[in-house]
Amino acid sequence: MTLTISFPDDKREALEHFLDETGGKIEVCLAESMEDWYRKTVPVGVRKYLDAKWEKECGAPPEPLKTPAPEPEGSTDAPSWEG
């Protein structure tokens, strides 16, 4: 899947510049951020279901989903909606 977002060119260029200094890539940072967001937002039961579904269809879930995920605060099965 491809996601498209709007982001100012000058900010993107600055981000690329400073990531280049550390060997980082925007795509990797975004993928890691999306994975973290997924783990914080999607309840553990749904993540387990998707892992099992992926494993049945493809042999094994994608690597990032195999690592233990922290549970959302305040619940073991639902995200916290309090700020």
PDB file of N, CA and C in Angstrom:
ATOM      1  N   MET A   1       0.839  -1.173   0.000  1.00  0.00           N
ATOM      2  CA  MET A   1       0.000   0.000   0.000  1.00  0.00           C
ATOM      3  C   MET A   1       0.886   1.239   0.000  1.00  0.00           C
ATOM      4  N   THR A   2       0.438   2.254  -0.643  1.00  0.00           N
ATOM      5  CA  THR A   2       1.140   3.522  -0.686  1.00  0.00           C
ATOM      6  C   THR A   2       0.288   4.586  -0.021  1.00  0.00           C
ATOM      7  N   LEU A   3       0.903   5.357   0.861  1.00  0.00           N
ATOM      8  CA  LEU A   3       0.234   6.494   1.485  1.00  0.00           C
ATOM      9  C   LEU A   3       0.833   7.760   0.909  1.00  0.00           C
ATOM     10  N   THR A   4      -0.008   8.736   0.657  1.00  0.00           N
ATOM     11  CA  THR A   4       0.451  10.027   0.157  1.00  0.00           C
ATOM     12  C   THR A   4       0.031  11.093   1.150  1.00  0.00           C
ATOM     13  N   ILE A   5       0.992  11.930   1.535  1.00  0.00           N
ATOM     14  CA  ILE A   5       0.690  13.017   2.466  1.00  0.00           C
ATOM     15  C   ILE A   5       1.257  14.319   1.909  1.00  0.00           C
ATOM     16  N   SER A   6       0.701  15.418   2.374  1.00  0.00           N
ATOM     17  CA  SER A   6       1.253  16.732   2.045  1.00  0.00           C
ATOM     18  C   SER A   6       2.216  17.123   3.152  1.00  0.00           C
ATOM     19  N   PHE A   7       3.394  17.617   2.764  1.00  0.00           N
ATOM     20  CA  PHE A   7       4.394  18.052   3.721  1.00  0.00           C
ATOM     21  C   PHE A   7       5.253  19.090   3.022  1.00  0.00           C
ATOM     22  N   PRO A   8       5.500  20.214   3.646  1.00  0.00           N
ATOM     23  CA  PRO A   8       6.271  21.277   2.987  1.00  0.00           C
ATOM     24  C   PRO A   8       7.657  20.796   2.538  1.00  0.00           C
ATOM     25  N   ASP A   9       8.035  21.186   1.322  1.00  0.00           N
ATOM     26  CA  ASP A   9       9.318  20.769   0.750  1.00  0.00           C
ATOM     27  C   ASP A   9      10.499  21.187   1.619  1.00  0.00           C
ATOM     28  N   ASP A  10      10.471  22.409   2.172  1.00  0.00           N
ATOM     29  CA  ASP A  10      11.609  22.855   2.971  1.00  0.00           C
ATOM     30  C   ASP A  10      11.773  22.016   4.237  1.00  0.00           C
ATOM     31  N   LYS A  11      10.674  21.617   4.836  1.00  0.00           N
ATOM     32  CA  LYS A  11      10.751  20.758   6.015  1.00  0.00           C
ATOM     33  C   LYS A  11      11.250  19.362   5.633  1.00  0.00           C
ATOM     34  N   ARG A  12      10.786  18.839   4.510  1.00  0.00           N
ATOM     35  CA  ARG A  12      11.245  17.526   4.039  1.00  0.00           C
ATOM     36  C   ARG A  12      12.736  17.554   3.751  1.00  0.00           C
ATOM     37  N   GLU A  13      13.194  18.614   3.078  1.00  0.00           N
ATOM     38  CA  GLU A  13      14.619  18.735   2.766  1.00  0.00           C
ATOM     39  C   GLU A  13      15.461  18.813   4.041  1.00  0.00           C
ATOM     40  N   ALA A  14      14.997  19.568   5.031  1.00  0.00           N
ATOM     41  CA  ALA A  14      15.720  19.656   6.301  1.00  0.00           C
ATOM     42  C   ALA A  14      15.749  18.289   6.988  1.00  0.00           C
ATOM     43  N   LEU A  15      14.633  17.611   6.975  1.00  0.00           N
ATOM     44  CA  LEU A  15      14.564  16.279   7.570  1.00  0.00           C
ATOM     45  C   LEU A  15      15.523  15.326   6.876  1.00  0.00           C
ATOM     46  N   GLU A  16      15.525  15.326   5.549  1.00  0.00           N
ATOM     47  CA  GLU A  16      16.447  14.472   4.797  1.00  0.00           C
ATOM     48  C   GLU A  16      17.898  14.818   5.113  1.00  0.00           C
ATOM     49  N   HIS A  17      18.208  16.093   5.207  1.00  0.00           N
ATOM     50  CA  HIS A  17      19.569  16.528   5.509  1.00  0.00           C
ATOM     51  C   HIS A  17      20.053  15.955   6.839  1.00  0.00           C
ATOM     52  N   PHE A  18      19.250  16.117   7.885  1.00  0.00           N
ATOM     53  CA  PHE A  18      19.679  15.663   9.199  1.00  0.00           C
ATOM     54  C   PHE A  18      19.614  14.149   9.332  1.00  0.00           C
ATOM     55  N   LEU A  19      18.711  13.504   8.624  1.00  0.00           N
ATOM     56  CA  LEU A  19      18.697  12.045   8.624  1.00  0.00           C
ATOM     57  C   LEU A  19      19.922  11.486   7.900  1.00  0.00           C
ATOM     58  N   ASP A  20      20.335  12.151   6.806  1.00  0.00           N
ATOM     59  CA  ASP A  20      21.527  11.715   6.081  1.00  0.00           C
ATOM     60  C   ASP A  20      22.753  11.708   6.987  1.00  0.00           C
ATOM     61  N   GLU A  21      22.838  12.665   7.903  1.00  0.00           N
ATOM     62  CA  GLU A  21      23.976  12.740   8.816  1.00  0.00           C
ATOM     63  C   GLU A  21      24.065  11.520   9.722  1.00  0.00           C
ATOM     64  N   THR A  22      22.939  10.916  10.010  1.00  0.00           N
ATOM     65  CA  THR A  22      22.917   9.744  10.892  1.00  0.00           C
ATOM     66  C   THR A  22      22.676   8.450  10.133  1.00  0.00           C
ATOM     67  N   GLY A  23      22.570   8.549   8.809  1.00  0.00           N
ATOM     68  CA  GLY A  23      22.332   7.350   8.001  1.00  0.00           C
ATOM     69  C   GLY A  23      20.884   6.921   7.979  1.00  0.00           C
ATOM     70  N   GLY A  24      20.001   7.788   8.421  1.00  0.00           N
ATOM     71  CA  GLY A  24      18.581   7.470   8.454  1.00  0.00           C
ATOM     72  C   GLY A  24      17.897   7.750   7.129  1.00  0.00           C
ATOM     73  N   LYS A  25      16.742   7.172   6.950  1.00  0.00           N
ATOM     74  CA  LYS A  25      15.921   7.367   5.755  1.00  0.00           C
ATOM     75  C   LYS A  25      14.497   7.709   6.184  1.00  0.00           C
ATOM     76  N   ILE A  26      13.896   8.637   5.473  1.00  0.00           N
ATOM     77  CA  ILE A  26      12.525   9.039   5.789  1.00  0.00           C
ATOM     78  C   ILE A  26      11.585   7.832   5.758  1.00  0.00           C
ATOM     79  N   GLU A  27      11.730   6.986   4.740  1.00  0.00           N
ATOM     80  CA  GLU A  27      10.839   5.841   4.593  1.00  0.00           C
ATOM     81  C   GLU A  27      10.915   4.916   5.809  1.00  0.00           C
ATOM     82  N   VAL A  28      12.123   4.706   6.317  1.00  0.00           N
ATOM     83  CA  VAL A  28      12.303   3.839   7.484  1.00  0.00           C
ATOM     84  C   VAL A  28      11.679   4.485   8.718  1.00  0.00           C
ATOM     85  N   CYS A  29      11.927   5.775   8.901  1.00  0.00           N
ATOM     86  CA  CYS A  29      11.344   6.488  10.042  1.00  0.00           C
ATOM     87  C   CYS A  29       9.821   6.460   9.992  1.00  0.00           C
ATOM     88  N   LEU A  30       9.258   6.672   8.816  1.00  0.00           N
ATOM     89  CA  LEU A  30       7.805   6.644   8.673  1.00  0.00           C
ATOM     90  C   LEU A  30       7.248   5.246   8.944  1.00  0.00           C
ATOM     91  N   ALA A  31       7.915   4.223   8.419  1.00  0.00           N
ATOM     92  CA  ALA A  31       7.455   2.852   8.648  1.00  0.00           C
ATOM     93  C   ALA A  31       7.497   2.510  10.136  1.00  0.00           C
ATOM     94  N   GLU A  32       8.567   2.910  10.825  1.00  0.00           N
ATOM     95  CA  GLU A  32       8.666   2.670  12.264  1.00  0.00           C
ATOM     96  C   GLU A  32       7.583   3.426  13.024  1.00  0.00           C
ATOM     97  N   SER A  33       7.334   4.672  12.620  1.00  0.00           N
ATOM     98  CA  SER A  33       6.291   5.464  13.273  1.00  0.00           C
ATOM     99  C   SER A  33       4.911   4.855  13.051  1.00  0.00           C
ATOM    100  N   MET A  34       4.655   4.386  11.841  1.00  0.00           N
ATOM    101  CA  MET A  34       3.363   3.750  11.544  1.00  0.00           C
ATOM    102  C   MET A  34       3.196   2.473  12.365  1.00  0.00           C
ATOM    103  N   GLU A  35       4.263   1.697  12.484  1.00  0.00           N
ATOM    104  CA  GLU A  35       4.204   0.469  13.291  1.00  0.00           C
ATOM    105  C   GLU A  35       3.912   0.809  14.755  1.00  0.00           C
ATOM    106  N   ASP A  36       4.585   1.829  15.294  1.00  0.00           N
ATOM    107  CA  ASP A  36       4.328   2.254  16.678  1.00  0.00           C
ATOM    108  C   ASP A  36       2.884   2.731  16.843  1.00  0.00           C
ATOM    109  N   TRP A  37       2.419   3.516  15.897  1.00  0.00           N
ATOM    110  CA  TRP A  37       1.044   4.029  15.940  1.00  0.00           C
ATOM    111  C   TRP A  37       0.049   2.874  15.889  1.00  0.00           C
ATOM    112  N   TYR A  38       0.299   1.907  15.016  1.00  0.00           N
ATOM    113  CA  TYR A  38      -0.540   0.710  14.895  1.00  0.00           C
ATOM    114  C   TYR A  38      -0.609  -0.021  16.238  1.00  0.00           C
ATOM    115  N   ARG A  39       0.544  -0.232  16.867  1.00  0.00           N
ATOM    116  CA  ARG A  39       0.593  -0.966  18.126  1.00  0.00           C
ATOM    117  C   ARG A  39      -0.097  -0.206  19.265  1.00  0.00           C
ATOM    118  N   LYS A  40      -0.041   1.114  19.249  1.00  0.00           N
ATOM    119  CA  LYS A  40      -0.681   1.911  20.296  1.00  0.00           C
ATOM    120  C   LYS A  40      -2.180   2.045  20.074  1.00  0.00           C
ATOM    121  N   THR A  41      -2.622   1.921  18.832  1.00  0.00           N
ATOM    122  CA  THR A  41      -4.010   2.202  18.487  1.00  0.00           C
ATOM    123  C   THR A  41      -4.869   0.949  18.355  1.00  0.00           C
ATOM    124  N   VAL A  42      -4.332  -0.092  17.725  1.00  0.00           N
ATOM    125  CA  VAL A  42      -5.112  -1.300  17.441  1.00  0.00           C
ATOM    126  C   VAL A  42      -5.054  -2.233  18.653  1.00  0.00           C
ATOM    127  N   PRO A  43      -6.201  -2.654  19.169  1.00  0.00           N
ATOM    128  CA  PRO A  43      -6.224  -3.545  20.334  1.00  0.00           C
ATOM    129  C   PRO A  43      -5.453  -4.847  20.069  1.00  0.00           C
ATOM    130  N   VAL A  44      -4.890  -5.396  21.136  1.00  0.00           N
ATOM    131  CA  VAL A  44      -4.051  -6.588  21.028  1.00  0.00           C
ATOM    132  C   VAL A  44      -4.804  -7.757  20.382  1.00  0.00           C
ATOM    133  N   GLY A  45      -6.071  -7.913  20.671  1.00  0.00           N
ATOM    134  CA  GLY A  45      -6.843  -9.012  20.082  1.00  0.00           C
ATOM    135  C   GLY A  45      -6.918  -8.908  18.563  1.00  0.00           C
ATOM    136  N   VAL A  46      -7.065  -7.703  18.060  1.00  0.00           N
ATOM    137  CA  VAL A  46      -7.117  -7.494  16.608  1.00  0.00           C
ATOM    138  C   VAL A  46      -5.747  -7.760  15.998  1.00  0.00           C
ATOM    139  N   ARG A  47      -4.691  -7.295  16.673  1.00  0.00           N
ATOM    140  CA  ARG A  47      -3.334  -7.551  16.170  1.00  0.00           C
ATOM    141  C   ARG A  47      -3.055  -9.044  16.101  1.00  0.00           C
ATOM    142  N   LYS A  48      -3.456  -9.791  17.134  1.00  0.00           N
ATOM    143  CA  LYS A  48      -3.259 -11.245  17.138  1.00  0.00           C
ATOM    144  C   LYS A  48      -4.055 -11.897  16.015  1.00  0.00           C
ATOM    145  N   TYR A  49      -5.280 -11.449  15.801  1.00  0.00           N
ATOM    146  CA  TYR A  49      -6.101 -11.978  14.714  1.00  0.00           C
ATOM    147  C   TYR A  49      -5.423 -11.735  13.368  1.00  0.00           C
ATOM    148  N   LEU A  50      -4.946 -10.519  13.146  1.00  0.00           N
ATOM    149  CA  LEU A  50      -4.287 -10.203  11.877  1.00  0.00           C
ATOM    150  C   LEU A  50      -3.002 -11.003  11.696  1.00  0.00           C
ATOM    151  N   ASP A  51      -2.236 -11.194  12.774  1.00  0.00           N
ATOM    152  CA  ASP A  51      -1.034 -12.033  12.697  1.00  0.00           C
ATOM    153  C   ASP A  51      -1.398 -13.454  12.274  1.00  0.00           C
ATOM    154  N   ALA A  52      -2.448 -14.018  12.904  1.00  0.00           N
ATOM    155  CA  ALA A  52      -2.871 -15.389  12.578  1.00  0.00           C
ATOM    156  C   ALA A  52      -3.371 -15.473  11.141  1.00  0.00           C
ATOM    157  N   LYS A  53      -4.128 -14.482  10.712  1.00  0.00           N
ATOM    158  CA  LYS A  53      -4.640 -14.460   9.346  1.00  0.00           C
ATOM    159  C   LYS A  53      -3.481 -14.398   8.346  1.00  0.00           C
ATOM    160  N   TRP A  54      -2.523 -13.513   8.613  1.00  0.00           N
ATOM    161  CA  TRP A  54      -1.373 -13.370   7.728  1.00  0.00           C
ATOM    162  C   TRP A  54      -0.583 -14.682   7.681  1.00  0.00           C
ATOM    163  N   GLU A  55      -0.386 -15.288   8.845  1.00  0.00           N
ATOM    164  CA  GLU A  55       0.377 -16.532   8.911  1.00  0.00           C
ATOM    165  C   GLU A  55      -0.318 -17.643   8.127  1.00  0.00           C
ATOM    166  N   LYS A  56      -1.631 -17.722   8.223  1.00  0.00           N
ATOM    167  CA  LYS A  56      -2.390 -18.736   7.486  1.00  0.00           C
ATOM    168  C   LYS A  56      -2.267 -18.513   5.980  1.00  0.00           C
ATOM    169  N   GLU A  57      -2.330 -17.270   5.539  1.00  0.00           N
ATOM    170  CA  GLU A  57      -2.302 -16.950   4.119  1.00  0.00           C
ATOM    171  C   GLU A  57      -0.893 -16.930   3.534  1.00  0.00           C
ATOM    172  N   CYS A  58       0.087 -16.510   4.329  1.00  0.00           N
ATOM    173  CA  CYS A  58       1.429 -16.253   3.788  1.00  0.00           C
ATOM    174  C   CYS A  58       2.534 -17.065   4.462  1.00  0.00           C
ATOM    175  N   GLY A  59       2.224 -17.810   5.484  1.00  0.00           N
ATOM    176  CA  GLY A  59       3.239 -18.611   6.151  1.00  0.00           C
ATOM    177  C   GLY A  59       3.770 -18.010   7.432  1.00  0.00           C
ATOM    178  N   ALA A  60       3.840 -16.698   7.516  1.00  0.00           N
ATOM    179  CA  ALA A  60       4.294 -16.022   8.727  1.00  0.00           C
ATOM    180  C   ALA A  60       3.918 -14.550   8.625  1.00  0.00           C
ATOM    181  N   PRO A  61       3.609 -13.919   9.766  1.00  0.00           N
ATOM    182  CA  PRO A  61       3.299 -12.490   9.717  1.00  0.00           C
ATOM    183  C   PRO A  61       4.533 -11.691   9.310  1.00  0.00           C
ATOM    184  N   PRO A  62       4.344 -10.480   8.800  1.00  0.00           N
ATOM    185  CA  PRO A  62       5.494  -9.628   8.491  1.00  0.00           C
ATOM    186  C   PRO A  62       6.346  -9.452   9.745  1.00  0.00           C
ATOM    187  N   GLU A  63       7.630  -9.345   9.588  1.00  0.00           N
ATOM    188  CA  GLU A  63       8.562  -9.319  10.715  1.00  0.00           C
ATOM    189  C   GLU A  63       8.216  -8.325  11.818  1.00  0.00           C
ATOM    190  N   PRO A  64       7.881  -7.059  11.540  1.00  0.00           N
ATOM    191  CA  PRO A  64       7.603  -6.143  12.651  1.00  0.00           C
ATOM    192  C   PRO A  64       6.459  -6.610  13.549  1.00  0.00           C
ATOM    193  N   LEU A  65       5.498  -7.365  13.016  1.00  0.00           N
ATOM    194  CA  LEU A  65       4.366  -7.805  13.820  1.00  0.00           C
ATOM    195  C   LEU A  65       4.718  -8.981  14.725  1.00  0.00           C
ATOM    196  N   LYS A  66       5.848  -9.633  14.510  1.00  0.00           N
ATOM    197  CA  LYS A  66       6.266 -10.754  15.330  1.00  0.00           C
ATOM    198  C   LYS A  66       6.869 -10.303  16.660  1.00  0.00           C
ATOM    199  N   THR A  67       7.353  -9.065  16.743  1.00  0.00           N
ATOM    200  CA  THR A  67       7.978  -8.589  17.962  1.00  0.00           C
ATOM    201  C   THR A  67       6.913  -8.248  18.990  1.00  0.00           C
ATOM    202  N   PRO A  68       7.209  -8.409  20.272  1.00  0.00           N
ATOM    203  CA  PRO A  68       6.212  -8.076  21.290  1.00  0.00           C
ATOM    204  C   PRO A  68       5.823  -6.603  21.198  1.00  0.00           C
ATOM    205  N   ALA A  69       4.557  -6.334  21.370  1.00  0.00           N
ATOM    206  CA  ALA A  69       4.059  -4.969  21.300  1.00  0.00           C
ATOM    207  C   ALA A  69       3.603  -4.527  22.678  1.00  0.00           C
ATOM    208  N   PRO A  70       3.897  -3.286  23.035  1.00  0.00           N
ATOM    209  CA  PRO A  70       3.387  -2.792  24.309  1.00  0.00           C
ATOM    210  C   PRO A  70       1.871  -2.667  24.255  1.00  0.00           C
ATOM    211  N   GLU A  71       1.250  -2.921  25.379  1.00  0.00           N
ATOM    212  CA  GLU A  71      -0.201  -2.797  25.439  1.00  0.00           C
ATOM    213  C   GLU A  71      -0.578  -1.331  25.594  1.00  0.00           C
ATOM    214  N   PRO A  72      -1.720  -0.934  25.052  1.00  0.00           N
ATOM    215  CA  PRO A  72      -2.182   0.438  25.267  1.00  0.00           C
ATOM    216  C   PRO A  72      -2.354   0.703  26.759  1.00  0.00           C
ATOM    217  N   GLU A  73      -2.101   1.936  27.184  1.00  0.00           N
ATOM    218  CA  GLU A  73      -2.229   2.291  28.595  1.00  0.00           C
ATOM    219  C   GLU A  73      -3.651   2.133  29.083  1.00  0.00           C
ATOM    220  N   GLY A  74      -3.794   1.644  30.307  1.00  0.00           N
ATOM    221  CA  GLY A  74      -5.099   1.570  30.936  1.00  0.00           C
ATOM    222  C   GLY A  74      -5.918   0.352  30.576  1.00  0.00           C
ATOM    223  N   SER A  75      -5.502  -0.441  29.607  1.00  0.00           N
ATOM    224  CA  SER A  75      -6.285  -1.603  29.207  1.00  0.00           C
ATOM    225  C   SER A  75      -5.394  -2.582  28.477  1.00  0.00           C
ATOM    226  N   THR A  76      -5.758  -3.847  28.531  1.00  0.00           N
ATOM    227  CA  THR A  76      -4.990  -4.851  27.795  1.00  0.00           C
ATOM    228  C   THR A  76      -5.633  -5.135  26.448  1.00  0.00           C
ATOM    229  N   ASP A  77      -6.783  -4.510  26.160  1.00  0.00           N
ATOM    230  CA  ASP A  77      -7.447  -4.833  24.911  1.00  0.00           C
ATOM    231  C   ASP A  77      -8.045  -3.628  24.186  1.00  0.00           C
ATOM    232  N   ALA A  78      -7.787  -2.420  24.655  1.00  0.00           N
ATOM    233  CA  ALA A  78      -8.341  -1.248  24.007  1.00  0.00           C
ATOM    234  C   ALA A  78      -7.440  -0.050  24.244  1.00  0.00           C
ATOM    235  N   PRO A  79      -7.385   0.858  23.279  1.00  0.00           N
ATOM    236  CA  PRO A  79      -6.553   2.041  23.466  1.00  0.00           C
ATOM    237  C   PRO A  79      -7.153   3.001  24.488  1.00  0.00           C
ATOM    238  N   SER A  80      -6.302   3.768  25.123  1.00  0.00           N
ATOM    239  CA  SER A  80      -6.766   4.777  26.052  1.00  0.00           C
ATOM    240  C   SER A  80      -7.178   6.017  25.271  1.00  0.00           C
ATOM    241  N   TRP A  81      -8.345   6.535  25.518  1.00  0.00           N
ATOM    242  CA  TRP A  81      -8.846   7.705  24.797  1.00  0.00           C
ATOM    243  C   TRP A  81      -8.706   8.954  25.650  1.00  0.00           C
ATOM    244  N   GLU A  82      -8.140   8.809  26.841  1.00  0.00           N
ATOM    245  CA  GLU A  82      -7.972   9.967  27.703  1.00  0.00           C
ATOM    246  C   GLU A  82      -6.674  10.672  27.373  1.00  0.00           C
ATOM    247  N   GLY A  83      -6.662  11.988  27.451  1.00  0.00           N
ATOM    248  CA  GLY A  83      -5.485  12.772  27.156  1.00  0.00           C
ATOM    249  C   GLY A  83      -4.767  13.115  28.341  1.00  0.00           C
TER     250      GLY A  83
END
